[in-house]
Protein backbone atom coordinates (compact mmCIF):
# COMPACT_ATOMS: atom_id res chain seq x y z
CA MET A 1 9.42 -10.88 -2.78
CA LEU A 2 6.70 -9.66 -5.14
CA ALA A 3 4.04 -7.13 -4.18
CA GLU A 4 1.41 -9.87 -3.87
CA GLU A 5 3.58 -11.79 -1.43
CA ALA A 6 4.42 -8.66 0.56
CA ALA A 7 0.71 -7.80 0.79
CA ALA A 8 -0.09 -11.24 2.19
CA VAL A 9 2.61 -10.91 4.85
CA ILE A 10 1.61 -7.42 6.04
CA GLY A 11 -2.11 -8.15 5.84
CA CYS A 12 -3.39 -6.00 3.00
CA ARG A 13 -4.44 -6.51 -0.61
CA ALA A 14 -2.01 -6.52 -3.50
CA HIS A 15 -3.57 -3.38 -5.01
CA ASP A 16 -2.92 -1.53 -1.72
CA ILE A 17 0.85 -1.83 -2.15
CA ARG A 18 0.88 1.06 -4.64
CA THR A 19 -0.91 3.26 -2.09
CA LEU A 20 1.64 2.36 0.59
CA ILE A 21 4.51 3.19 -1.77
CA LEU A 22 2.94 6.57 -2.63
CA ALA A 23 2.41 7.26 1.08
CA GLY A 24 6.10 6.60 1.72
CA LEU A 25 5.44 3.60 3.94
CA LEU A 26 6.98 1.03 1.60
CA LYS A 27 9.96 1.26 -0.70
CA PRO A 28 10.60 -1.27 -3.46
CA LEU A 29 14.10 -2.56 -4.08
CA GLY A 30 16.19 -0.53 -6.49
CA ASP A 31 14.60 2.31 -8.42
CA PRO A 32 12.02 0.60 -10.64
CA PRO A 33 10.03 2.56 -13.24
CA ALA A 34 6.42 3.34 -12.29
CA ASN A 35 4.91 0.66 -14.51
CA SER A 36 7.30 -2.18 -13.66
CA ILE A 37 7.08 -5.13 -11.29
CA LYS A 38 8.11 -4.14 -7.76
CA TYR A 39 10.22 -6.36 -5.52
CA PHE A 40 10.62 -6.02 -1.76
CA ALA A 41 13.16 -7.37 0.74
CA ALA A 42 11.53 -10.25 2.58
CA THR A 43 13.36 -9.50 5.83
CA HIS A 44 12.14 -5.89 5.79
CA ILE A 45 8.54 -6.89 5.03
CA HIS A 46 8.57 -9.39 7.92
CA GLN A 47 9.94 -6.69 10.25
CA LEU A 48 7.14 -4.32 9.21
CA ALA A 49 4.54 -7.05 9.74
CA SER A 50 5.58 -7.30 13.39
CA ASP A 51 5.80 -3.53 13.98
CA GLU A 52 2.52 -2.47 15.58
CA LYS A 53 3.24 1.23 15.12
CA TRP A 54 3.92 0.79 11.38
CA LEU A 55 0.82 -1.38 10.99
CA GLY A 56 -1.22 1.46 12.52
CA LYS A 57 0.27 3.92 10.01
CA MET A 58 -0.48 1.47 7.19
CA THR A 59 -4.08 1.13 8.30
CA MET A 60 -4.57 4.89 8.50
CA ALA A 61 -2.96 5.45 5.08
CA LEU A 62 -5.23 2.86 3.49
CA ASN A 63 -8.31 4.20 5.28
CA ASP A 64 -7.50 7.74 4.14
CA HIS A 65 -6.91 6.59 0.57
CA TRP A 66 -10.16 4.65 0.29
CA THR A 67 -12.17 7.36 2.05
CA GLU A 68 -10.93 9.90 -0.49
CA HIS A 69 -11.42 7.48 -3.37
CA ASN A 70 -15.03 6.77 -2.37
CA LYS A 71 -15.73 10.45 -1.77
CA LYS A 72 -14.59 11.32 -5.30
CA ARG A 73 -16.60 8.45 -6.72
CA LYS A 74 -19.74 9.62 -4.90
CA GLU A 75 -19.23 13.21 -6.06
CA LYS A 76 -18.87 11.97 -9.62
CA SER A 77 -22.11 9.99 -9.41
CA ASP A 78 -23.97 12.91 -7.79
CA CYS A 79 -23.14 15.12 -10.80
CA ARG A 80 -25.08 12.86 -13.17
């Protein structure tokens, strides 16, 4: 399944998939180059979607990512 489809199943946005890969919470099939389309095993994605513990880790990873992202953005705008 494509990243967009995986995101819909686990309850996040397609652009969050990259963050989950970098956090080590998701692994695409094979060993795709950084700028290529990522595919995921549907059975594994469905298992993760029903794993409450993993969903908690996903939520925290995304919260941490966006908190840091927004902090950097605010610091950048404060310097102007």
